[in-house]
Protein backbone atom coordinates (compact mmCIF):
# COMPACT_ATOMS: atom_id res chain seq x y z
CA PRO A 1 83.62 -26.11 102.27
CA GLY A 2 80.78 -26.48 99.80
CA TYR A 3 77.64 -24.50 100.47
CA PHE A 4 75.37 -27.54 100.48
CA THR A 5 77.55 -29.42 102.97
CA VAL A 6 77.29 -26.51 105.43
CA ILE A 7 73.71 -25.41 104.70
CA LYS A 8 71.28 -28.29 105.00
CA LYS A 9 68.12 -26.35 104.08
CA PRO A 10 68.89 -23.72 101.43
CA MET A 11 66.43 -20.89 100.71
CA CYS A 12 66.52 -17.76 98.55
CA PHE A 13 64.23 -14.85 97.72
CA LYS A 14 63.67 -16.21 94.22
CA LEU A 15 62.29 -19.43 95.71
CA MET A 16 60.15 -17.43 98.14
CA ARG A 17 58.68 -15.46 95.22
CA GLN A 18 57.99 -18.73 93.41
CA LYS A 19 56.30 -20.14 96.50
CA LEU A 20 54.17 -16.98 96.62
CA ALA A 21 53.20 -17.27 92.97
CA ASP A 22 52.38 -20.97 93.43
CA ARG A 23 50.42 -20.26 96.65
CA GLU A 24 52.55 -22.62 98.69
CA TYR A 25 52.57 -20.48 101.84
CA ARG A 26 49.80 -21.82 103.98
CA THR A 27 50.58 -19.67 107.05
CA TRP A 28 52.24 -16.36 107.85
CA ARG A 29 54.67 -18.21 110.09
CA ALA A 30 55.92 -20.30 107.13
CA PHE A 31 56.63 -17.09 105.19
CA VAL A 32 58.51 -15.56 108.12
CA GLU A 33 60.47 -18.77 108.71
CA ASP A 34 61.68 -18.78 105.09
CA PHE A 35 62.84 -15.16 105.41
CA GLU A 36 64.68 -15.96 108.64
CA LEU A 37 66.17 -19.07 107.03
CA ILE A 38 67.72 -16.97 104.26
CA CYS A 39 69.36 -14.66 106.78
CA ASN A 40 70.47 -17.47 109.08
CA ASN A 41 71.97 -19.43 106.19
CA ALA A 42 73.97 -16.38 105.12
CA THR A 43 75.31 -15.79 108.63
CA THR A 44 76.08 -19.49 109.09
CA TYR A 45 77.97 -19.95 105.83
CA ASN A 46 79.89 -16.67 105.65
CA GLN A 47 82.72 -15.59 107.93
CA ARG A 48 81.73 -13.36 110.82
CA ARG A 49 83.65 -10.35 109.48
CA SER A 50 82.44 -10.66 105.89
CA LYS A 51 80.15 -8.10 104.30
CA ILE A 52 77.61 -10.82 103.60
CA HIS A 53 77.48 -11.95 107.22
CA LYS A 54 77.04 -8.39 108.47
CA ALA A 55 74.48 -7.51 105.78
CA ALA A 56 72.49 -10.67 106.55
CA ALA A 57 72.47 -9.93 110.28
CA GLN A 58 71.27 -6.37 109.58
CA MET A 59 68.65 -7.62 107.12
CA LEU A 60 67.38 -10.08 109.73
CA ARG A 61 67.00 -7.31 112.32
CA SER A 62 65.36 -4.88 109.89
CA GLY A 63 63.26 -7.60 108.30
CA LYS A 64 61.88 -8.79 111.63
CA LYS A 65 60.79 -5.24 112.44
CA LEU A 66 59.17 -4.86 109.02
CA LEU A 67 57.47 -8.24 109.23
CA GLN A 68 56.19 -7.43 112.70
CA THR A 69 54.64 -4.13 111.56
CA SER A 70 53.22 -5.83 108.44
CA GLU A 71 51.93 -8.90 110.24
CA LEU A 72 48.22 -8.14 109.95
CA GLU A 73 48.42 -7.36 106.23
CA GLY A 74 50.64 -10.40 105.71
CA ARG A 75 48.25 -12.72 107.51
CA LYS A 76 45.35 -11.36 105.46
CA ALA A 77 47.32 -11.86 102.25
CA VAL A 78 48.18 -15.43 103.24
CA ALA A 79 44.50 -16.07 103.93
CA LEU A 80 43.49 -14.72 100.52
CA LEU A 81 46.21 -16.67 98.73
CA HIS A 82 45.76 -19.91 100.68
CA PRO A 83 45.17 -22.77 98.21
CA ASP A 84 42.13 -23.99 100.15
CA GLY A 85 40.63 -20.54 100.77
CA PRO A 86 40.50 -18.05 103.65
CA HIS A 87 38.49 -20.29 105.97
CA ALA A 88 41.08 -23.08 105.72
CA ALA A 89 43.84 -20.50 106.27
CA ALA A 90 42.19 -19.29 109.48
CA LEU A 91 41.86 -22.85 110.76
CA GLU A 92 45.47 -23.66 109.89
CA GLU A 93 46.75 -20.48 111.60
CA GLU A 94 44.75 -21.39 114.69
CA ARG A 95 46.13 -24.95 114.75
CA GLU A 96 49.67 -23.65 114.27
CA ALA A 97 49.27 -21.09 117.06
CA THR A 98 47.95 -23.79 119.39
CA ALA A 99 50.86 -26.08 118.55
CA ALA A 100 53.36 -23.26 119.03
CA GLY A 101 51.72 -22.32 122.32
CA SER A 102 51.99 -25.82 123.72
CA ALA A 103 55.59 -26.12 122.54
CA MET A 104 56.51 -22.87 124.27
CA ALA A 105 54.69 -23.51 127.55
CA GLY A 106 54.35 -20.25 129.40
CA ALA A 107 55.00 -18.01 126.41
CA THR A 108 52.03 -16.19 124.95
CA PRO A 109 51.82 -16.61 121.18
CA SER A 110 51.14 -13.42 119.27
CA THR A 111 48.47 -14.47 116.83
CA VAL A 112 46.03 -12.46 114.82
CA LYS A 113 42.63 -14.06 114.57
CA LEU A 114 41.41 -14.16 110.99
CA GLU A 115 37.69 -14.07 110.43
CA PRO A 116 36.87 -16.22 107.40
CA SER A 117 33.59 -14.37 106.80
CA ALA A 118 35.51 -11.10 106.28
CA ALA A 119 37.15 -12.41 103.11
CA PRO A 120 35.51 -11.65 99.77
CA GLU A 121 33.64 -14.42 97.95
CA GLY A 122 35.81 -16.57 95.73
CA ALA A 123 39.00 -15.53 97.49
CA GLY A 124 40.03 -19.16 97.78
CA SER A 125 39.81 -19.76 94.05
CA LYS A 126 42.78 -19.73 91.72
CA HIS A 127 41.79 -16.14 90.83
CA ALA A 128 42.17 -14.57 94.28
CA PRO A 129 42.43 -10.78 94.28
CA SER A 130 45.71 -9.69 92.81
CA SER A 131 45.87 -6.99 95.48
CA ALA A 132 46.69 -9.66 98.06
CA LEU A 133 49.64 -10.91 96.04
CA THR A 134 50.75 -7.33 95.37
CA ALA A 135 50.61 -6.46 99.08
CA TYR A 136 52.42 -9.67 99.98
CA GLU A 137 55.18 -9.06 97.44
CA ALA A 138 55.57 -5.48 98.70
CA LEU A 139 57.26 -7.01 101.74
CA PHE A 140 60.10 -8.07 99.44
CA GLU A 141 60.50 -4.60 97.99
CA ASP A 142 60.54 -2.94 101.42
CA SER A 143 63.15 -5.37 102.73
CA GLY A 144 65.59 -4.61 99.94
CA ALA A 145 65.28 -8.13 98.59
CA SER A 146 64.56 -7.00 95.07
CA SER A 147 66.95 -8.04 92.36
CA GLY A 148 69.92 -5.86 91.55
CA GLY A 149 72.19 -3.98 93.88
CA GLU A 150 75.71 -4.76 94.95
CA ASP A 151 77.27 -8.18 94.56
CA TYR A 152 78.51 -9.43 97.93
CA SER A 153 79.36 -12.90 96.72
CA SER A 154 83.02 -13.06 97.74
CA PHE A 155 83.50 -15.50 100.59
CA SER A 156 86.80 -13.93 101.66
CA ASP A 157 85.82 -10.25 101.43
CA THR A 158 86.04 -8.95 105.01
CA ASP A 159 86.21 -5.59 106.73
CA LEU A 160 89.83 -6.31 107.69
CA GLU A 161 90.87 -6.06 104.07
CA GLU A 162 89.05 -2.74 103.67
CA ASP A 163 90.62 -1.33 106.82
CA GLY A 164 94.09 -2.40 105.74
CA GLY A 165 94.30 -4.89 108.61
CA GLY A 166 94.94 -7.88 106.38
CA GLY A 167 96.36 -8.75 103.01
CA GLN A 168 94.76 -6.77 100.20
CA LEU A 169 92.92 -8.78 97.61
CA SER A 170 93.11 -7.83 93.98
CA PRO A 171 89.78 -7.61 92.12
CA SER A 172 90.62 -10.78 90.17
CA SER A 173 91.32 -12.80 93.32
CA SER A 174 87.99 -11.94 94.93
CA ALA A 175 85.85 -13.51 92.22
CA ALA A 176 82.64 -15.19 93.28
CA ALA A 177 82.88 -18.75 94.48
């Protein structure tokens, strides 16, 4: 089946980087949701035994741990890069946490309160400190989402073929779809 018939909301790291550069992330939760969407799309589209499926599941587990430990820095970076400034970011985070709390009645939302007064002057301008963007993009580097690396684009490449449990594919037959 075609990718876009299976995956209704596609996302990729390149688009996430673009959203960062364009200051489209208004909350930390939106950033995390896009990361999780990438991993979930990969596990949904690819066969359970494929390298891509397994790598995506591992990346989701590792990424969640990394995002959890980097949450405070990430929330601060979102506040500094918010298009309407740190004060608006704090208000939006608070509204989102309240909405999430009421949707998950009984569950305690883990939010980090951002103090708008703690942000440097002019942080909401188009020339926000580049250190915030650098720190935010460091999450990509730590998660292994940087460009390069192995190409796991073959839909039919599974562990069974590596273990000799299925028909062997020749390199020409496992070309990217």
